[in-house]
């Protein structure tokens, strides 16, 4: 191999490694976005469940006269 081929080979390895690093960064950003959206859905769902539980408790208390 000539000196130019060796230099091009080393540069190609460097460019390839940076390309893979960028690709992994993009995939991680997508996963983070999906996780954030999923956490928002879970938070809304749990808030709704908490509201329904408190409403059910209130209705039971009203039915049996436990709340003045």
PDB file of N, CA and C in Angstrom:
ATOM      1  N   UNK A   1       0.832  -1.180   0.000  1.00  0.00           N
ATOM      2  CA  UNK A   1       0.000   0.000   0.000  1.00  0.00           C
ATOM      3  C   UNK A   1       0.876   1.243   0.000  1.00  0.00           C
ATOM      4  N   UNK A   2       0.403   2.176  -0.729  1.00  0.00           N
ATOM      5  CA  UNK A   2       1.162   3.436  -0.770  1.00  0.00           C
ATOM      6  C   UNK A   2       0.771   4.299   0.436  1.00  0.00           C
ATOM      7  N   UNK A   3       1.523   5.354   0.599  1.00  0.00           N
ATOM      8  CA  UNK A   3       1.261   6.254   1.725  1.00  0.00           C
ATOM      9  C   UNK A   3      -0.120   6.897   1.608  1.00  0.00           C
ATOM     10  N   UNK A   4      -0.530   7.261   0.398  1.00  0.00           N
ATOM     11  CA  UNK A   4      -1.845   7.868   0.187  1.00  0.00           C
ATOM     12  C   UNK A   4      -2.967   6.882   0.521  1.00  0.00           C
ATOM     13  N   UNK A   5      -2.805   5.639   0.159  1.00  0.00           N
ATOM     14  CA  UNK A   5      -3.827   4.626   0.449  1.00  0.00           C
ATOM     15  C   UNK A   5      -3.957   4.407   1.949  1.00  0.00           C
ATOM     16  N   UNK A   6      -2.849   4.403   2.655  1.00  0.00           N
ATOM     17  CA  UNK A   6      -2.881   4.233   4.105  1.00  0.00           C
ATOM     18  C   UNK A   6      -3.599   5.409   4.758  1.00  0.00           C
ATOM     19  N   UNK A   7      -3.280   6.622   4.303  1.00  0.00           N
ATOM     20  CA  UNK A   7      -3.929   7.818   4.854  1.00  0.00           C
ATOM     21  C   UNK A   7      -5.426   7.787   4.560  1.00  0.00           C
ATOM     22  N   UNK A   8      -5.815   7.433   3.329  1.00  0.00           N
ATOM     23  CA  UNK A   8      -7.230   7.343   2.983  1.00  0.00           C
ATOM     24  C   UNK A   8      -7.937   6.254   3.807  1.00  0.00           C
ATOM     25  N   UNK A   9      -7.264   5.145   4.044  1.00  0.00           N
ATOM     26  CA  UNK A   9      -7.836   4.067   4.847  1.00  0.00           C
ATOM     27  C   UNK A   9      -8.113   4.538   6.269  1.00  0.00           C
ATOM     28  N   UNK A  10      -7.134   5.224   6.864  1.00  0.00           N
ATOM     29  CA  UNK A  10      -7.286   5.728   8.231  1.00  0.00           C
ATOM     30  C   UNK A  10      -8.395   6.780   8.296  1.00  0.00           C
ATOM     31  N   UNK A  11      -8.426   7.667   7.297  1.00  0.00           N
ATOM     32  CA  UNK A  11      -9.489   8.679   7.254  1.00  0.00           C
ATOM     33  C   UNK A  11     -10.861   8.021   7.080  1.00  0.00           C
ATOM     34  N   UNK A  12     -10.921   6.996   6.261  1.00  0.00           N
ATOM     35  CA  UNK A  12     -12.185   6.275   6.076  1.00  0.00           C
ATOM     36  C   UNK A  12     -12.667   5.628   7.356  1.00  0.00           C
ATOM     37  N   UNK A  13     -11.751   5.046   8.109  1.00  0.00           N
ATOM     38  CA  UNK A  13     -12.130   4.460   9.400  1.00  0.00           C
ATOM     39  C   UNK A  13     -12.661   5.543  10.336  1.00  0.00           C
ATOM     40  N   UNK A  14     -11.998   6.689  10.366  1.00  0.00           N
ATOM     41  CA  UNK A  14     -12.445   7.798  11.228  1.00  0.00           C
ATOM     42  C   UNK A  14     -13.817   8.324  10.825  1.00  0.00           C
ATOM     43  N   UNK A  15     -14.020   8.511   9.521  1.00  0.00           N
ATOM     44  CA  UNK A  15     -15.314   9.006   9.042  1.00  0.00           C
ATOM     45  C   UNK A  15     -16.408   7.975   9.328  1.00  0.00           C
ATOM     46  N   UNK A  16     -16.097   6.705   9.130  1.00  0.00           N
ATOM     47  CA  UNK A  16     -17.071   5.657   9.418  1.00  0.00           C
ATOM     48  C   UNK A  16     -17.441   5.606  10.890  1.00  0.00           C
ATOM     49  N   UNK A  17     -16.462   5.742  11.752  1.00  0.00           N
ATOM     50  CA  UNK A  17     -16.727   5.723  13.191  1.00  0.00           C
ATOM     51  C   UNK A  17     -17.592   6.918  13.599  1.00  0.00           C
ATOM     52  N   UNK A  18     -17.319   8.085  13.027  1.00  0.00           N
ATOM     53  CA  UNK A  18     -18.134   9.248  13.345  1.00  0.00           C
ATOM     54  C   UNK A  18     -19.556   9.090  12.794  1.00  0.00           C
ATOM     55  N   UNK A  19     -19.675   8.481  11.629  1.00  0.00           N
ATOM     56  CA  UNK A  19     -21.003   8.222  11.064  1.00  0.00           C
ATOM     57  C   UNK A  19     -21.822   7.307  11.958  1.00  0.00           C
ATOM     58  N   UNK A  20     -21.195   6.268  12.461  1.00  0.00           N
ATOM     59  CA  UNK A  20     -21.885   5.346  13.372  1.00  0.00           C
ATOM     60  C   UNK A  20     -22.268   6.069  14.657  1.00  0.00           C
ATOM     61  N   UNK A  21     -21.394   6.918  15.165  1.00  0.00           N
ATOM     62  CA  UNK A  21     -21.689   7.665  16.388  1.00  0.00           C
ATOM     63  C   UNK A  21     -22.882   8.602  16.177  1.00  0.00           C
ATOM     64  N   UNK A  22     -22.928   9.261  15.032  1.00  0.00           N
ATOM     65  CA  UNK A  22     -24.059  10.151  14.726  1.00  0.00           C
ATOM     66  C   UNK A  22     -25.344   9.340  14.602  1.00  0.00           C
ATOM     67  N   UNK A  23     -25.276   8.202  13.946  1.00  0.00           N
ATOM     68  CA  UNK A  23     -26.455   7.351  13.779  1.00  0.00           C
ATOM     69  C   UNK A  23     -26.990   6.894  15.145  1.00  0.00           C
ATOM     70  N   UNK A  24     -26.103   6.494  16.041  1.00  0.00           N
ATOM     71  CA  UNK A  24     -26.528   6.088  17.375  1.00  0.00           C
ATOM     72  C   UNK A  24     -27.112   7.269  18.141  1.00  0.00           C
ATOM     73  N   UNK A  25     -26.576   8.461  17.953  1.00  0.00           N
ATOM     74  CA  UNK A  25     -27.115   9.644  18.601  1.00  0.00           C
ATOM     75  C   UNK A  25     -28.540   9.909  18.121  1.00  0.00           C
ATOM     76  N   UNK A  26     -28.774   9.779  16.829  1.00  0.00           N
ATOM     77  CA  UNK A  26     -30.117   9.986  16.275  1.00  0.00           C
ATOM     78  C   UNK A  26     -31.084   8.953  16.843  1.00  0.00           C
ATOM     79  N   UNK A  27     -30.668   7.701  16.904  1.00  0.00           N
ATOM     80  CA  UNK A  27     -31.536   6.660  17.455  1.00  0.00           C
ATOM     81  C   UNK A  27     -31.839   6.914  18.925  1.00  0.00           C
ATOM     82  N   UNK A  28     -30.862   7.367  19.686  1.00  0.00           N
ATOM     83  CA  UNK A  28     -31.087   7.679  21.100  1.00  0.00           C
ATOM     84  C   UNK A  28     -32.044   8.855  21.262  1.00  0.00           C
ATOM     85  N   UNK A  29     -31.934   9.857  20.389  1.00  0.00           N
ATOM     86  CA  UNK A  29     -32.851  10.994  20.451  1.00  0.00           C
ATOM     87  C   UNK A  29     -34.274  10.547  20.155  1.00  0.00           C
ATOM     88  N   UNK A  30     -34.452   9.674  19.170  1.00  0.00           N
ATOM     89  CA  UNK A  30     -35.789   9.153  18.871  1.00  0.00           C
ATOM     90  C   UNK A  30     -36.355   8.385  20.053  1.00  0.00           C
ATOM     91  N   UNK A  31     -35.527   7.553  20.659  1.00  0.00           N
ATOM     92  CA  UNK A  31     -35.977   6.766  21.807  1.00  0.00           C
ATOM     93  C   UNK A  31     -36.340   7.680  22.968  1.00  0.00           C
ATOM     94  N   UNK A  32     -35.572   8.739  23.185  1.00  0.00           N
ATOM     95  CA  UNK A  32     -35.871   9.678  24.269  1.00  0.00           C
ATOM     96  C   UNK A  32     -37.205  10.372  24.012  1.00  0.00           C
ATOM     97  N   UNK A  33     -37.459  10.747  22.764  1.00  0.00           N
ATOM     98  CA  UNK A  33     -38.722  11.386  22.410  1.00  0.00           C
ATOM     99  C   UNK A  33     -39.896  10.436  22.650  1.00  0.00           C
ATOM    100  N   UNK A  34     -39.731   9.180  22.259  1.00  0.00           N
ATOM    101  CA  UNK A  34     -40.791   8.185  22.482  1.00  0.00           C
ATOM    102  C   UNK A  34     -41.024   7.965  23.976  1.00  0.00           C
ATOM    103  N   UNK A  35     -39.944   7.903  24.736  1.00  0.00           N
ATOM    104  CA  UNK A  35     -40.071   7.701  26.180  1.00  0.00           C
ATOM    105  C   UNK A  35     -40.775   8.883  26.838  1.00  0.00           C
ATOM    106  N   UNK A  36     -40.483  10.090  26.378  1.00  0.00           N
ATOM    107  CA  UNK A  36     -41.129  11.273  26.933  1.00  0.00           C
ATOM    108  C   UNK A  36     -42.616  11.249  26.644  1.00  0.00           C
ATOM    109  N   UNK A  37     -42.995  10.909  25.415  1.00  0.00           N
ATOM    110  CA  UNK A  37     -44.407  10.836  25.062  1.00  0.00           C
ATOM    111  C   UNK A  37     -45.114   9.753  25.870  1.00  0.00           C
ATOM    112  N   UNK A  38     -44.448   8.621  26.038  1.00  0.00           N
ATOM    113  CA  UNK A  38     -45.043   7.538  26.819  1.00  0.00           C
ATOM    114  C   UNK A  38     -45.209   7.944  28.278  1.00  0.00           C
ATOM    115  N   UNK A  39     -44.240   8.667  28.839  1.00  0.00           N
ATOM    116  CA  UNK A  39     -44.354   9.088  30.233  1.00  0.00           C
ATOM    117  C   UNK A  39     -45.492  10.091  30.406  1.00  0.00           C
ATOM    118  N   UNK A  40     -45.721  10.952  29.408  1.00  0.00           N
ATOM    119  CA  UNK A  40     -46.850  11.880  29.474  1.00  0.00           C
ATOM    120  C   UNK A  40     -48.172  11.112  29.472  1.00  0.00           C
ATOM    121  N   UNK A  41     -48.275  10.093  28.635  1.00  0.00           N
ATOM    122  CA  UNK A  41     -49.491   9.288  28.597  1.00  0.00           C
ATOM    123  C   UNK A  41     -49.719   8.579  29.929  1.00  0.00           C
ATOM    124  N   UNK A  42     -48.675   8.015  30.491  1.00  0.00           N
ATOM    125  CA  UNK A  42     -48.805   7.310  31.765  1.00  0.00           C
ATOM    126  C   UNK A  42     -49.211   8.275  32.869  1.00  0.00           C
ATOM    127  N   UNK A  43     -48.624   9.468  32.864  1.00  0.00           N
ATOM    128  CA  UNK A  43     -48.969  10.466  33.882  1.00  0.00           C
ATOM    129  C   UNK A  43     -50.436  10.877  33.778  1.00  0.00           C
ATOM    130  N   UNK A  44     -50.916  11.108  32.544  1.00  0.00           N
ATOM    131  CA  UNK A  44     -52.322  11.475  32.365  1.00  0.00           C
ATOM    132  C   UNK A  44     -53.244  10.338  32.803  1.00  0.00           C
ATOM    133  N   UNK A  45     -52.870   9.112  32.438  1.00  0.00           N
ATOM    134  CA  UNK A  45     -53.680   7.956  32.808  1.00  0.00           C
ATOM    135  C   UNK A  45     -53.738   7.788  34.329  1.00  0.00           C
ATOM    136  N   UNK A  46     -52.605   7.952  35.001  1.00  0.00           N
ATOM    137  CA  UNK A  46     -52.589   7.793  36.455  1.00  0.00           C
ATOM    138  C   UNK A  46     -53.363   8.926  37.130  1.00  0.00           C
ATOM    139  N   UNK A  47     -53.318  10.128  36.575  1.00  0.00           N
ATOM    140  CA  UNK A  47     -54.106  11.231  37.139  1.00  0.00           C
ATOM    141  C   UNK A  47     -55.595  10.943  36.985  1.00  0.00           C
ATOM    142  N   UNK A  48     -55.986  10.403  35.857  1.00  0.00           N
ATOM    143  CA  UNK A  48     -57.387  10.024  35.654  1.00  0.00           C
ATOM    144  C   UNK A  48     -57.811   8.928  36.604  1.00  0.00           C
ATOM    145  N   UNK A  49     -56.950   7.944  36.813  1.00  0.00           N
ATOM    146  CA  UNK A  49     -57.262   6.863  37.745  1.00  0.00           C
ATOM    147  C   UNK A  49     -57.403   7.399  39.172  1.00  0.00           C
ATOM    148  N   UNK A  50     -56.528   8.321  39.548  1.00  0.00           N
ATOM    149  CA  UNK A  50     -56.605   8.903  40.890  1.00  0.00           C
ATOM    150  C   UNK A  50     -57.908   9.679  41.052  1.00  0.00           C
ATOM    151  N   UNK A  51     -58.292  10.412  40.013  1.00  0.00           N
ATOM    152  CA  UNK A  51     -59.553  11.147  40.080  1.00  0.00           C
ATOM    153  C   UNK A  51     -60.731  10.193  40.223  1.00  0.00           C
ATOM    154  N   UNK A  52     -60.737   9.123  39.441  1.00  0.00           N
ATOM    155  CA  UNK A  52     -61.847   8.172  39.513  1.00  0.00           C
ATOM    156  C   UNK A  52     -61.907   7.480  40.877  1.00  0.00           C
ATOM    157  N   UNK A  53     -60.743   7.163  41.461  1.00  0.00           N
ATOM    158  CA  UNK A  53     -60.729   6.557  42.796  1.00  0.00           C
ATOM    159  C   UNK A  53     -61.278   7.523  43.836  1.00  0.00           C
ATOM    160  N   UNK A  54     -60.871   8.794  43.758  1.00  0.00           N
ATOM    161  CA  UNK A  54     -61.370   9.766  44.734  1.00  0.00           C
ATOM    162  C   UNK A  54     -62.866  10.009  44.531  1.00  0.00           C
ATOM    163  N   UNK A  55     -63.325  10.004  43.289  1.00  0.00           N
ATOM    164  CA  UNK A  55     -64.755  10.169  43.025  1.00  0.00           C
ATOM    165  C   UNK A  55     -65.544   8.995  43.577  1.00  0.00           C
ATOM    166  N   UNK A  56     -65.031   7.797  43.393  1.00  0.00           N
ATOM    167  CA  UNK A  56     -65.697   6.608  43.933  1.00  0.00           C
ATOM    168  C   UNK A  56     -65.746   6.658  45.456  1.00  0.00           C
ATOM    169  N   UNK A  57     -64.660   7.066  46.094  1.00  0.00           N
ATOM    170  CA  UNK A  57     -64.627   7.200  47.544  1.00  0.00           C
ATOM    171  C   UNK A  57     -65.634   8.248  48.007  1.00  0.00           C
ATOM    172  N   UNK A  58     -65.697   9.365  47.305  1.00  0.00           N
ATOM    173  CA  UNK A  58     -66.650  10.424  47.644  1.00  0.00           C
ATOM    174  C   UNK A  58     -68.083   9.904  47.531  1.00  0.00           C
ATOM    175  N   UNK A  59     -68.376   9.158  46.464  1.00  0.00           N
ATOM    176  CA  UNK A  59     -69.731   8.640  46.282  1.00  0.00           C
ATOM    177  C   UNK A  59     -70.100   7.653  47.385  1.00  0.00           C
ATOM    178  N   UNK A  60     -69.161   6.811  47.776  1.00  0.00           N
ATOM    179  CA  UNK A  60     -69.418   5.867  48.862  1.00  0.00           C
ATOM    180  C   UNK A  60     -69.655   6.617  50.164  1.00  0.00           C
ATOM    181  N   UNK A  61     -68.866   7.649  50.433  1.00  0.00           N
ATOM    182  CA  UNK A  61     -69.038   8.434  51.653  1.00  0.00           C
ATOM    183  C   UNK A  61     -70.388   9.150  51.654  1.00  0.00           C
ATOM    184  N   UNK A  62     -70.782   9.658  50.495  1.00  0.00           N
ATOM    185  CA  UNK A  62     -72.074  10.315  50.389  1.00  0.00           C
ATOM    186  C   UNK A  62     -73.215   9.324  50.599  1.00  0.00           C
ATOM    187  N   UNK A  63     -73.094   8.140  50.075  1.00  0.00           N
ATOM    188  CA  UNK A  63     -74.127   7.126  50.169  1.00  0.00           C
ATOM    189  C   UNK A  63     -74.378   6.729  51.621  1.00  0.00           C
ATOM    190  N   UNK A  64     -73.313   6.598  52.388  1.00  0.00           N
ATOM    191  CA  UNK A  64     -73.433   6.140  53.768  1.00  0.00           C
ATOM    192  C   UNK A  64     -73.405   7.293  54.780  1.00  0.00           C
ATOM    193  N   UNK A  65     -73.429   8.527  54.315  1.00  0.00           N
ATOM    194  CA  UNK A  65     -73.486   9.668  55.198  1.00  0.00           C
ATOM    195  C   UNK A  65     -72.234   9.896  56.001  1.00  0.00           C
ATOM    196  N   UNK A  66     -71.083   9.544  55.476  1.00  0.00           N
ATOM    197  CA  UNK A  66     -69.834   9.703  56.203  1.00  0.00           C
ATOM    198  C   UNK A  66     -69.245  11.100  56.052  1.00  0.00           C
ATOM    199  N   UNK A  67     -69.730  11.865  55.075  1.00  0.00           N
ATOM    200  CA  UNK A  67     -69.227  13.211  54.836  1.00  0.00           C
ATOM    201  C   UNK A  67     -70.308  14.196  55.250  1.00  0.00           C
ATOM    202  N   UNK A  68     -69.989  15.144  56.107  1.00  0.00           N
ATOM    203  CA  UNK A  68     -71.020  16.112  56.563  1.00  0.00           C
ATOM    204  C   UNK A  68     -71.464  17.039  55.461  1.00  0.00           C
TER     205      UNK A  68
END
